[in-house]
Amino acid sequence: MKARLTITLKSGVLDPQGRAIQAALGGLGFDGVGDVRAGKVIELELAEGTPPETIDAMCRQLLANTVMENYRVELL
């Protein structure tokens, strides 16, 4: 079983990586790019039958900083 975790910064949290990407795109001539928010995607290969609560616990305890990040879990 696979799980895909999408982790993004909460709204209101400054995103320096997103700002750097936005500036670089502008420098390359890509005009019209608005706000850029960077995040991360983590894919896990899990044993069949792994409870969703276990995946949620992994996110809360290690994979996402829940003070400043949101996460979404998709089972693939």
Protein backbone atom coordinates (compact mmCIF):
# COMPACT_ATOMS: atom_id res chain seq x y z
CA MET A 1 0.00 0.00 0.00
CA LYS A 2 1.25 3.49 -0.82
CA ALA A 3 0.45 6.78 0.83
CA ARG A 4 1.20 10.20 -0.59
CA LEU A 5 1.59 13.02 1.93
CA THR A 6 1.31 16.60 0.71
CA ILE A 7 2.69 19.09 3.21
CA THR A 8 2.17 22.84 2.80
CA LEU A 9 2.69 25.91 4.93
CA LYS A 10 -0.37 27.28 6.66
CA SER A 11 -1.71 30.55 5.29
CA GLY A 12 -0.11 33.49 7.03
CA VAL A 13 3.23 31.72 7.48
CA LEU A 14 6.03 33.42 5.53
CA ASP A 15 7.43 31.30 2.72
CA PRO A 16 10.97 32.42 1.81
CA GLN A 17 11.44 29.50 -0.59
CA GLY A 18 8.25 30.47 -2.42
CA ARG A 19 9.45 34.09 -2.64
CA ALA A 20 12.81 32.94 -4.06
CA ILE A 21 11.04 30.82 -6.68
CA GLN A 22 8.77 33.73 -7.60
CA ALA A 23 11.77 36.07 -8.00
CA ALA A 24 13.70 33.50 -10.06
CA LEU A 25 10.75 32.95 -12.39
CA GLY A 26 10.46 36.71 -12.90
CA GLY A 27 14.20 36.89 -13.58
CA LEU A 28 13.81 34.22 -16.26
CA GLY A 29 11.14 36.29 -17.98
CA PHE A 30 8.05 34.47 -16.74
CA ASP A 31 5.81 37.44 -16.06
CA GLY A 32 2.46 37.31 -14.37
CA VAL A 33 3.39 34.80 -11.66
CA GLY A 34 1.58 35.74 -8.47
CA ASP A 35 2.22 34.39 -5.02
CA VAL A 36 4.24 31.16 -4.91
CA ARG A 37 3.97 28.71 -2.02
CA ALA A 38 6.43 25.82 -1.81
CA GLY A 39 5.67 22.53 -0.11
CA LYS A 40 6.78 18.93 -0.15
CA VAL A 41 5.42 15.57 -1.20
CA ILE A 42 6.42 12.37 0.59
CA GLU A 43 5.45 8.93 -0.69
CA LEU A 44 5.50 6.01 1.72
CA GLU A 45 5.38 2.31 0.91
CA LEU A 46 3.46 0.74 3.80
CA ALA A 47 2.42 -2.74 4.83
CA GLU A 48 -1.08 -3.65 3.67
CA GLY A 49 -3.63 -2.87 6.32
CA THR A 50 -1.65 -0.05 7.94
CA PRO A 51 -4.31 1.93 9.81
CA PRO A 52 -4.88 5.54 8.71
CA GLU A 53 -4.32 6.57 12.34
CA THR A 54 -0.72 5.32 12.08
CA ILE A 55 -0.07 7.47 9.01
CA ASP A 56 -1.63 10.45 10.78
CA ALA A 57 0.61 9.84 13.80
CA MET A 58 3.69 9.73 11.53
CA CYS A 59 2.76 13.13 10.14
CA ARG A 60 2.04 14.72 13.52
CA GLN A 61 5.15 13.34 15.23
CA LEU A 62 7.81 13.62 12.52
CA LEU A 63 6.89 14.45 8.94
CA ALA A 64 5.00 17.73 9.36
CA ASN A 65 5.48 20.63 11.74
CA THR A 66 1.81 21.05 12.65
CA VAL A 67 2.43 24.47 14.20
CA MET A 68 3.14 25.93 10.77
CA GLU A 69 2.24 23.23 8.24
CA ASN A 70 -0.89 21.46 7.02
CA TYR A 71 -0.78 17.97 5.59
CA ARG A 72 -3.03 15.84 3.43
CA VAL A 73 -2.86 12.04 3.16
CA GLU A 74 -3.86 10.16 0.00
CA LEU A 75 -3.89 6.38 -0.11
CA LEU A 76 -2.77 5.19 -3.53
